[in-house]
Amino acid sequence: MAFAQGAGYLFRGLKMWRQRPGLMLLGLVPAVLVLVVLFALFVTLLLFADDLVSWATPFADDWSDLWRNVLRIGLYVALVVGGLFLSMITFTGLTLAVGDPFYEKIWQETEQMLGGEFPAKGVGWLRGAIDGAGLIALGLATTVLVFAIGLVPVVGPIIGPVIGVMIAGRLLAGELVSRALEARGMDRAAQKALLADHHQTMFGFGAVVQLCFLIPFGAVLMMPAAVVGSTMLAREVLDASGGEPARPPRL
């Protein structure tokens, strides 16, 4: 139930396209710019993936055709899947950093629509850039994990992407929700305490956003909706806690 509720926040965010299309179009600007760059890099990876695999496995030249092909095809799939997940995570981090003024406007308008008190300013471009860089670093670690799992014969190329979506989705949800919470002066420890009872909701939201990012141009269209949905999620969690930032437990 909590997973489905979390996924529902994205669909609630999508309604903003009908209510405030002009506002949501602002979120397309940084997303398109970053997507074009990452798409070009990913196509370059596809073009040179065969050469990279051959260069990395000269020891297999003397193997039988069967085992050489098994190794190199497995490496090729793992490299492409890893590159795909790195692109997705990098997309989110770069887009949030580059497009902070655009997404802060969407966040503010969503807060105003929800009513009640809310901060007059967001976290600022520098903080957004730092958070984006942190998300990219975590994405690199996730990519290494997905790549390693993808090397497992037969099941690796299937299990790797599933685990990658789960981890990447949770990271993405945490980063998006943090905008509204950091603007209220909550550090990472306070955010963790506040969201401690909402893991499934966060996971549901992040997973469905990440899956939508796999659809061609889905990342561009979904990013503004994800900002709206994450703001709604953060506000409802805050309301459930009495509107006060949660205090991290003492050690």
C-alpha atoms as a PDB file:
ATOM      1  CA  MET A   1       0.000   0.000   0.000  1.00  0.00           C
ATOM      2  CA  ALA A   2       2.771   2.445   0.941  1.00  0.00           C
ATOM      3  CA  PHE A   3       4.674   1.552  -2.250  1.00  0.00           C
ATOM      4  CA  ALA A   4       1.610   2.347  -4.387  1.00  0.00           C
ATOM      5  CA  GLN A   5       1.048   5.556  -2.445  1.00  0.00           C
ATOM      6  CA  GLY A   6       4.606   6.607  -3.180  1.00  0.00           C
ATOM      7  CA  ALA A   7       4.183   5.870  -6.886  1.00  0.00           C
ATOM      8  CA  GLY A   8       0.992   7.930  -6.818  1.00  0.00           C
ATOM      9  CA  TYR A   9       2.912  11.103  -6.006  1.00  0.00           C
ATOM     10  CA  LEU A  10       4.421  11.100  -9.486  1.00  0.00           C
ATOM     11  CA  PHE A  11       0.985  10.827 -11.088  1.00  0.00           C
ATOM     12  CA  ARG A  12      -0.237  13.654  -8.886  1.00  0.00           C
ATOM     13  CA  GLY A  13       2.718  15.665 -10.107  1.00  0.00           C
ATOM     14  CA  LEU A  14       1.786  14.907 -13.705  1.00  0.00           C
ATOM     15  CA  LYS A  15      -1.564  16.652 -13.175  1.00  0.00           C
ATOM     16  CA  MET A  16       0.357  19.902 -12.936  1.00  0.00           C
ATOM     17  CA  TRP A  17       0.964  19.671 -16.687  1.00  0.00           C
ATOM     18  CA  ARG A  18      -2.757  20.292 -17.131  1.00  0.00           C
ATOM     19  CA  GLN A  19      -3.095  22.863 -14.357  1.00  0.00           C
ATOM     20  CA  ARG A  20       0.071  24.910 -14.969  1.00  0.00           C
ATOM     21  CA  PRO A  21       1.567  23.967 -18.355  1.00  0.00           C
ATOM     22  CA  GLY A  22       3.607  27.160 -18.619  1.00  0.00           C
ATOM     23  CA  LEU A  23       5.263  26.488 -15.272  1.00  0.00           C
ATOM     24  CA  MET A  24       6.060  22.889 -16.154  1.00  0.00           C
ATOM     25  CA  LEU A  25       7.575  23.890 -19.482  1.00  0.00           C
ATOM     26  CA  LEU A  26      10.273  25.714 -17.521  1.00  0.00           C
ATOM     27  CA  GLY A  27      11.489  22.360 -16.269  1.00  0.00           C
ATOM     28  CA  LEU A  28      12.062  21.115 -19.811  1.00  0.00           C
ATOM     29  CA  VAL A  29      14.856  23.598 -20.554  1.00  0.00           C
ATOM     30  CA  PRO A  30      17.649  22.133 -18.372  1.00  0.00           C
ATOM     31  CA  ALA A  31      16.390  18.580 -18.882  1.00  0.00           C
ATOM     32  CA  VAL A  32      16.631  18.826 -22.675  1.00  0.00           C
ATOM     33  CA  LEU A  33      20.111  20.357 -22.558  1.00  0.00           C
ATOM     34  CA  VAL A  34      21.474  17.654 -20.263  1.00  0.00           C
ATOM     35  CA  LEU A  35      19.696  14.889 -22.188  1.00  0.00           C
ATOM     36  CA  VAL A  36      21.276  15.937 -25.491  1.00  0.00           C
ATOM     37  CA  VAL A  37      24.778  15.822 -23.980  1.00  0.00           C
ATOM     38  CA  LEU A  38      24.262  12.480 -22.249  1.00  0.00           C
ATOM     39  CA  PHE A  39      22.606  10.952 -25.305  1.00  0.00           C
ATOM     40  CA  ALA A  40      25.622  11.875 -27.420  1.00  0.00           C
ATOM     41  CA  LEU A  41      27.964  10.317 -24.843  1.00  0.00           C
ATOM     42  CA  PHE A  42      25.871   7.140 -24.619  1.00  0.00           C
ATOM     43  CA  VAL A  43      25.800   6.749 -28.405  1.00  0.00           C
ATOM     44  CA  THR A  44      29.580   7.156 -28.386  1.00  0.00           C
ATOM     45  CA  LEU A  45      29.797   4.361 -25.809  1.00  0.00           C
ATOM     46  CA  LEU A  46      27.661   2.099 -28.018  1.00  0.00           C
ATOM     47  CA  LEU A  47      29.869   2.798 -31.020  1.00  0.00           C
ATOM     48  CA  PHE A  48      33.075   1.947 -29.188  1.00  0.00           C
ATOM     49  CA  ALA A  49      31.800  -0.740 -26.800  1.00  0.00           C
ATOM     50  CA  ASP A  50      33.003  -3.605 -29.034  1.00  0.00           C
ATOM     51  CA  ASP A  51      36.466  -2.098 -29.281  1.00  0.00           C
ATOM     52  CA  LEU A  52      36.624  -1.523 -25.533  1.00  0.00           C
ATOM     53  CA  VAL A  53      35.636  -5.113 -24.773  1.00  0.00           C
ATOM     54  CA  SER A  54      38.187  -6.497 -27.254  1.00  0.00           C
ATOM     55  CA  TRP A  55      40.887  -4.228 -25.859  1.00  0.00           C
ATOM     56  CA  ALA A  56      40.123  -5.331 -22.292  1.00  0.00           C
ATOM     57  CA  THR A  57      40.151  -9.082 -23.088  1.00  0.00           C
ATOM     58  CA  PRO A  58      43.228  -9.852 -25.228  1.00  0.00           C
ATOM     59  CA  PHE A  59      43.765 -12.986 -23.158  1.00  0.00           C
ATOM     60  CA  ALA A  60      40.598 -14.493 -24.689  1.00  0.00           C
ATOM     61  CA  ASP A  61      41.908 -14.378 -28.258  1.00  0.00           C
ATOM     62  CA  ASP A  62      43.160 -17.961 -27.986  1.00  0.00           C
ATOM     63  CA  TRP A  63      39.981 -19.301 -26.376  1.00  0.00           C
ATOM     64  CA  SER A  64      37.407 -21.330 -28.254  1.00  0.00           C
ATOM     65  CA  ASP A  65      34.784 -19.326 -30.137  1.00  0.00           C
ATOM     66  CA  LEU A  66      32.068 -20.335 -27.664  1.00  0.00           C
ATOM     67  CA  TRP A  67      33.774 -19.168 -24.467  1.00  0.00           C
ATOM     68  CA  ARG A  68      35.306 -16.088 -26.086  1.00  0.00           C
ATOM     69  CA  ASN A  69      31.861 -15.004 -27.287  1.00  0.00           C
ATOM     70  CA  VAL A  70      30.276 -15.752 -23.906  1.00  0.00           C
ATOM     71  CA  LEU A  71      32.845 -13.579 -22.145  1.00  0.00           C
ATOM     72  CA  ARG A  72      32.776 -10.688 -24.586  1.00  0.00           C
ATOM     73  CA  ILE A  73      29.012 -10.605 -25.037  1.00  0.00           C
ATOM     74  CA  GLY A  74      28.607 -10.641 -21.260  1.00  0.00           C
ATOM     75  CA  LEU A  75      31.070  -7.779 -20.895  1.00  0.00           C
ATOM     76  CA  TYR A  76      29.368  -5.865 -23.705  1.00  0.00           C
ATOM     77  CA  VAL A  77      25.941  -6.178 -22.059  1.00  0.00           C
ATOM     78  CA  ALA A  78      27.345  -5.258 -18.650  1.00  0.00           C
ATOM     79  CA  LEU A  79      29.109  -2.216 -20.123  1.00  0.00           C
ATOM     80  CA  VAL A  80      25.996  -0.983 -21.918  1.00  0.00           C
ATOM     81  CA  VAL A  81      23.691  -1.571 -18.929  1.00  0.00           C
ATOM     82  CA  GLY A  82      26.185   0.116 -16.622  1.00  0.00           C
ATOM     83  CA  GLY A  83      26.452   3.060 -19.004  1.00  0.00           C
ATOM     84  CA  LEU A  84      22.665   3.329 -19.134  1.00  0.00           C
ATOM     85  CA  PHE A  85      22.330   3.504 -15.364  1.00  0.00           C
ATOM     86  CA  LEU A  86      25.202   5.944 -15.095  1.00  0.00           C
ATOM     87  CA  SER A  87      23.423   8.123 -17.672  1.00  0.00           C
ATOM     88  CA  MET A  88      20.194   8.045 -15.673  1.00  0.00           C
ATOM     89  CA  ILE A  89      21.826   8.946 -12.375  1.00  0.00           C
ATOM     90  CA  THR A  90      24.058  11.561 -13.990  1.00  0.00           C
ATOM     91  CA  PHE A  91      21.032  13.025 -15.762  1.00  0.00           C
ATOM     92  CA  THR A  92      19.254  13.631 -12.474  1.00  0.00           C
ATOM     93  CA  GLY A  93      22.280  15.111 -10.729  1.00  0.00           C
ATOM     94  CA  LEU A  94      23.278  17.360 -13.615  1.00  0.00           C
ATOM     95  CA  THR A  95      19.719  18.471 -14.318  1.00  0.00           C
ATOM     96  CA  LEU A  96      19.094  19.422 -10.699  1.00  0.00           C
ATOM     97  CA  ALA A  97      22.374  21.343 -10.612  1.00  0.00           C
ATOM     98  CA  VAL A  98      22.004  23.125 -13.963  1.00  0.00           C
ATOM     99  CA  GLY A  99      18.289  23.732 -13.640  1.00  0.00           C
ATOM    100  CA  ASP A 100      18.085  24.791 -10.000  1.00  0.00           C
ATOM    101  CA  PRO A 101      16.470  28.214 -10.742  1.00  0.00           C
ATOM    102  CA  PHE A 102      13.824  26.514 -12.904  1.00  0.00           C
ATOM    103  CA  TYR A 103      13.054  23.751 -10.411  1.00  0.00           C
ATOM    104  CA  GLU A 104      13.043  26.174  -7.481  1.00  0.00           C
ATOM    105  CA  LYS A 105      10.304  28.094  -9.266  1.00  0.00           C
ATOM    106  CA  ILE A 106       8.293  24.881  -9.725  1.00  0.00           C
ATOM    107  CA  TRP A 107       8.887  23.982  -6.069  1.00  0.00           C
ATOM    108  CA  GLN A 108       7.761  27.414  -4.845  1.00  0.00           C
ATOM    109  CA  GLU A 109       4.599  27.372  -6.964  1.00  0.00           C
ATOM    110  CA  THR A 110       3.762  23.874  -5.723  1.00  0.00           C
ATOM    111  CA  GLU A 111       4.285  24.945  -2.103  1.00  0.00           C
ATOM    112  CA  GLN A 112       2.032  27.940  -2.664  1.00  0.00           C
ATOM    113  CA  MET A 113      -0.642  25.754  -4.250  1.00  0.00           C
ATOM    114  CA  LEU A 114      -0.562  23.405  -1.252  1.00  0.00           C
ATOM    115  CA  GLY A 115      -1.092  26.351   1.113  1.00  0.00           C
ATOM    116  CA  GLY A 116       0.212  26.899   4.600  1.00  0.00           C
ATOM    117  CA  GLU A 117       3.591  28.303   5.554  1.00  0.00           C
ATOM    118  CA  PHE A 118       6.634  27.529   3.459  1.00  0.00           C
ATOM    119  CA  PRO A 119      10.173  28.943   3.067  1.00  0.00           C
ATOM    120  CA  ALA A 120      10.552  31.998   0.872  1.00  0.00           C
ATOM    121  CA  LYS A 121      13.774  30.679  -0.683  1.00  0.00           C
ATOM    122  CA  GLY A 122      15.130  27.303  -1.640  1.00  0.00           C
ATOM    123  CA  VAL A 123      18.554  25.838  -0.991  1.00  0.00           C
ATOM    124  CA  GLY A 124      20.266  27.933  -3.674  1.00  0.00           C
ATOM    125  CA  TRP A 125      22.245  27.015  -6.771  1.00  0.00           C
ATOM    126  CA  LEU A 126      25.498  26.170  -4.968  1.00  0.00           C
ATOM    127  CA  ARG A 127      23.833  23.771  -2.566  1.00  0.00           C
ATOM    128  CA  GLY A 128      21.886  22.250  -5.439  1.00  0.00           C
ATOM    129  CA  ALA A 129      25.111  21.746  -7.383  1.00  0.00           C
ATOM    130  CA  ILE A 130      26.785  20.074  -4.389  1.00  0.00           C
ATOM    131  CA  ASP A 131      23.807  17.765  -3.888  1.00  0.00           C
ATOM    132  CA  GLY A 132      23.813  16.966  -7.601  1.00  0.00           C
ATOM    133  CA  ALA A 133      27.515  16.097  -7.469  1.00  0.00           C
ATOM    134  CA  GLY A 134      26.860  13.834  -4.500  1.00  0.00           C
ATOM    135  CA  LEU A 135      24.091  12.067  -6.400  1.00  0.00           C
ATOM    136  CA  ILE A 136      26.425  11.539  -9.356  1.00  0.00           C
ATOM    137  CA  ALA A 137      29.077  10.045  -7.038  1.00  0.00           C
ATOM    138  CA  LEU A 138      26.530   7.633  -5.599  1.00  0.00           C
ATOM    139  CA  GLY A 139      25.454   6.854  -9.156  1.00  0.00           C
ATOM    140  CA  LEU A 140      29.017   5.893 -10.043  1.00  0.00           C
ATOM    141  CA  ALA A 141      29.064   3.423  -7.153  1.00  0.00           C
ATOM    142  CA  THR A 142      25.706   2.008  -8.279  1.00  0.00           C
ATOM    143  CA  THR A 143      27.000   1.659 -11.836  1.00  0.00           C
ATOM    144  CA  VAL A 144      30.026  -0.322 -10.643  1.00  0.00           C
ATOM    145  CA  LEU A 145      27.682  -2.633  -8.712  1.00  0.00           C
ATOM    146  CA  VAL A 146      25.351  -3.087 -11.695  1.00  0.00           C
ATOM    147  CA  PHE A 147      28.333  -3.735 -13.971  1.00  0.00           C
ATOM    148  CA  ALA A 148      29.745  -6.351 -11.589  1.00  0.00           C
ATOM    149  CA  ILE A 149      26.402  -8.139 -11.234  1.00  0.00           C
ATOM    150  CA  GLY A 150      25.961  -8.025 -15.008  1.00  0.00           C
ATOM    151  CA  LEU A 151      29.085 -10.156 -15.396  1.00  0.00           C
ATOM    152  CA  VAL A 152      27.335 -13.122 -13.787  1.00  0.00           C
ATOM    153  CA  PRO A 153      26.448 -15.512 -16.640  1.00  0.00           C
ATOM    154  CA  VAL A 154      22.790 -15.770 -17.733  1.00  0.00           C
ATOM    155  CA  VAL A 155      21.119 -14.142 -14.700  1.00  0.00           C
ATOM    156  CA  GLY A 156      23.458 -11.150 -14.314  1.00  0.00           C
ATOM    157  CA  PRO A 157      22.069  -9.070 -17.217  1.00  0.00           C
ATOM    158  CA  ILE A 158      18.568  -9.538 -15.736  1.00  0.00           C
ATOM    159  CA  ILE A 159      19.242  -9.098 -12.022  1.00  0.00           C
ATOM    160  CA  GLY A 160      21.693  -6.218 -12.475  1.00  0.00           C
ATOM    161  CA  PRO A 161      19.214  -3.753 -14.007  1.00  0.00           C
ATOM    162  CA  VAL A 162      16.530  -4.651 -11.438  1.00  0.00           C
ATOM    163  CA  ILE A 163      18.858  -3.971  -8.524  1.00  0.00           C
ATOM    164  CA  GLY A 164      20.084  -0.849 -10.285  1.00  0.00           C
ATOM    165  CA  VAL A 165      16.555   0.541 -10.627  1.00  0.00           C
ATOM    166  CA  MET A 166      15.839  -0.176  -6.953  1.00  0.00           C
ATOM    167  CA  ILE A 167      18.985   1.553  -5.690  1.00  0.00           C
ATOM    168  CA  ALA A 168      18.867   4.424  -8.175  1.00  0.00           C
ATOM    169  CA  GLY A 169      15.176   5.018  -7.460  1.00  0.00           C
ATOM    170  CA  ARG A 170      15.754   5.299  -3.730  1.00  0.00           C
ATOM    171  CA  LEU A 171      18.672   7.687  -4.239  1.00  0.00           C
ATOM    172  CA  LEU A 172      16.612   9.781  -6.644  1.00  0.00           C
ATOM    173  CA  ALA A 173      13.659  10.007  -4.248  1.00  0.00           C
ATOM    174  CA  GLY A 174      15.894  11.093  -1.396  1.00  0.00           C
ATOM    175  CA  GLU A 175      17.505  13.809  -3.479  1.00  0.00           C
ATOM    176  CA  LEU A 176      14.214  15.194  -4.804  1.00  0.00           C
ATOM    177  CA  VAL A 177      12.450  15.211  -1.433  1.00  0.00           C
ATOM    178  CA  SER A 178      15.445  16.859   0.238  1.00  0.00           C
ATOM    179  CA  ARG A 179      14.775  20.145  -1.615  1.00  0.00           C
ATOM    180  CA  ALA A 180      11.689  20.990   0.447  1.00  0.00           C
ATOM    181  CA  LEU A 181      13.260  19.706   3.668  1.00  0.00           C
ATOM    182  CA  GLU A 182      16.622  21.487   3.310  1.00  0.00           C
ATOM    183  CA  ALA A 183      14.775  24.725   2.582  1.00  0.00           C
ATOM    184  CA  ARG A 184      13.271  24.306   6.055  1.00  0.00           C
ATOM    185  CA  GLY A 185      16.714  24.061   7.624  1.00  0.00           C
ATOM    186  CA  MET A 186      16.771  20.290   8.028  1.00  0.00           C
ATOM    187  CA  ASP A 187      20.167  18.614   7.702  1.00  0.00           C
ATOM    188  CA  ARG A 188      20.648  15.047   6.454  1.00  0.00           C
ATOM    189  CA  ALA A 189      20.331  13.540   9.927  1.00  0.00           C
ATOM    190  CA  ALA A 190      17.030  15.333  10.546  1.00  0.00           C
ATOM    191  CA  GLN A 191      15.725  14.277   7.138  1.00  0.00           C
ATOM    192  CA  LYS A 192      16.650  10.656   7.825  1.00  0.00           C
ATOM    193  CA  ALA A 193      14.790  10.764  11.134  1.00  0.00           C
ATOM    194  CA  LEU A 194      11.722  12.355   9.542  1.00  0.00           C
ATOM    195  CA  LEU A 195      11.578   9.805   6.719  1.00  0.00           C
ATOM    196  CA  ALA A 196      12.412   6.771   8.879  1.00  0.00           C
ATOM    197  CA  ASP A 197       8.826   5.483   8.791  1.00  0.00           C
ATOM    198  CA  HIS A 198       8.298   6.199   5.091  1.00  0.00           C
ATOM    199  CA  HIS A 199      10.834   3.928   3.381  1.00  0.00           C
ATOM    200  CA  GLN A 200       8.260   2.102   1.255  1.00  0.00           C
ATOM    201  CA  THR A 201       6.617   5.353   0.173  1.00  0.00           C
ATOM    202  CA  MET A 202       9.988   6.803  -0.819  1.00  0.00           C
ATOM    203  CA  PHE A 203      10.920   3.604  -2.614  1.00  0.00           C
ATOM    204  CA  GLY A 204       7.629   3.531  -4.536  1.00  0.00           C
ATOM    205  CA  PHE A 205       8.030   7.136  -5.638  1.00  0.00           C
ATOM    206  CA  GLY A 206      11.677   6.747  -6.659  1.00  0.00           C
ATOM    207  CA  ALA A 207      11.194   3.427  -8.448  1.00  0.00           C
ATOM    208  CA  VAL A 208       8.338   4.621 -10.649  1.00  0.00           C
ATOM    209  CA  VAL A 209      10.213   7.836 -11.516  1.00  0.00           C
ATOM    210  CA  GLN A 210      13.317   5.836 -12.397  1.00  0.00           C
ATOM    211  CA  LEU A 211      11.321   3.424 -14.563  1.00  0.00           C
ATOM    212  CA  CYS A 212       9.747   6.362 -16.395  1.00  0.00           C
ATOM    213  CA  PHE A 213      13.260   7.648 -17.075  1.00  0.00           C
ATOM    214  CA  LEU A 214      13.873   4.463 -19.091  1.00  0.00           C
ATOM    215  CA  ILE A 215      11.180   5.483 -21.590  1.00  0.00           C
ATOM    216  CA  PRO A 216      12.545   7.516 -24.524  1.00  0.00           C
ATOM    217  CA  PHE A 217      12.271  11.208 -23.566  1.00  0.00           C
ATOM    218  CA  GLY A 218      10.521  10.104 -20.380  1.00  0.00           C
ATOM    219  CA  ALA A 219      13.175  11.758 -18.235  1.00  0.00           C
ATOM    220  CA  VAL A 220      12.561  15.142 -19.858  1.00  0.00           C
ATOM    221  CA  LEU A 221       8.794  15.041 -19.394  1.00  0.00           C
ATOM    222  CA  MET A 222       8.840  13.439 -15.955  1.00  0.00           C
ATOM    223  CA  MET A 223      11.467  15.609 -14.276  1.00  0.00           C
ATOM    224  CA  PRO A 224       9.169  18.611 -13.634  1.00  0.00           C
ATOM    225  CA  ALA A 225       6.413  16.248 -12.455  1.00  0.00           C
ATOM    226  CA  ALA A 226       8.898  14.510 -10.158  1.00  0.00           C
ATOM    227  CA  VAL A 227       9.771  17.858  -8.557  1.00  0.00           C
ATOM    228  CA  VAL A 228       6.068  18.559  -7.967  1.00  0.00           C
ATOM    229  CA  GLY A 229       5.413  15.041  -6.652  1.00  0.00           C
ATOM    230  CA  SER A 230       8.398  15.112  -4.309  1.00  0.00           C
ATOM    231  CA  THR A 231       7.239  18.452  -2.891  1.00  0.00           C
ATOM    232  CA  MET A 232       3.814  16.980  -2.194  1.00  0.00           C
ATOM    233  CA  LEU A 233       5.408  13.948  -0.568  1.00  0.00           C
ATOM    234  CA  ALA A 234       7.615  16.102   1.650  1.00  0.00           C
ATOM    235  CA  ARG A 235       4.704  18.307   2.706  1.00  0.00           C
ATOM    236  CA  GLU A 236       2.498  15.373   3.652  1.00  0.00           C
ATOM    237  CA  VAL A 237       5.302  13.751   5.651  1.00  0.00           C
ATOM    238  CA  LEU A 238       5.867  17.064   7.450  1.00  0.00           C
ATOM    239  CA  ASP A 239       2.128  17.427   8.128  1.00  0.00           C
ATOM    240  CA  ALA A 240       2.020  13.876   9.497  1.00  0.00           C
ATOM    241  CA  SER A 241       4.834  14.751  11.911  1.00  0.00           C
ATOM    242  CA  GLY A 242       2.984  17.835  13.135  1.00  0.00           C
ATOM    243  CA  GLY A 243       4.790  20.191  10.792  1.00  0.00           C
ATOM    244  CA  GLU A 244       7.932  20.174  12.894  1.00  0.00           C
ATOM    245  CA  PRO A 245      11.275  18.922  11.639  1.00  0.00           C
ATOM    246  CA  ALA A 246      12.043  15.567  13.200  1.00  0.00           C
ATOM    247  CA  ARG A 247      15.000  15.400  15.545  1.00  0.00           C
ATOM    248  CA  PRO A 248      17.614  12.752  14.834  1.00  0.00           C
ATOM    249  CA  PRO A 249      17.904  10.141  17.600  1.00  0.00           C
ATOM    250  CA  ARG A 250      20.660  10.664  20.108  1.00  0.00           C
ATOM    251  CA  LEU A 251      23.491   8.173  20.030  1.00  0.00           C
END
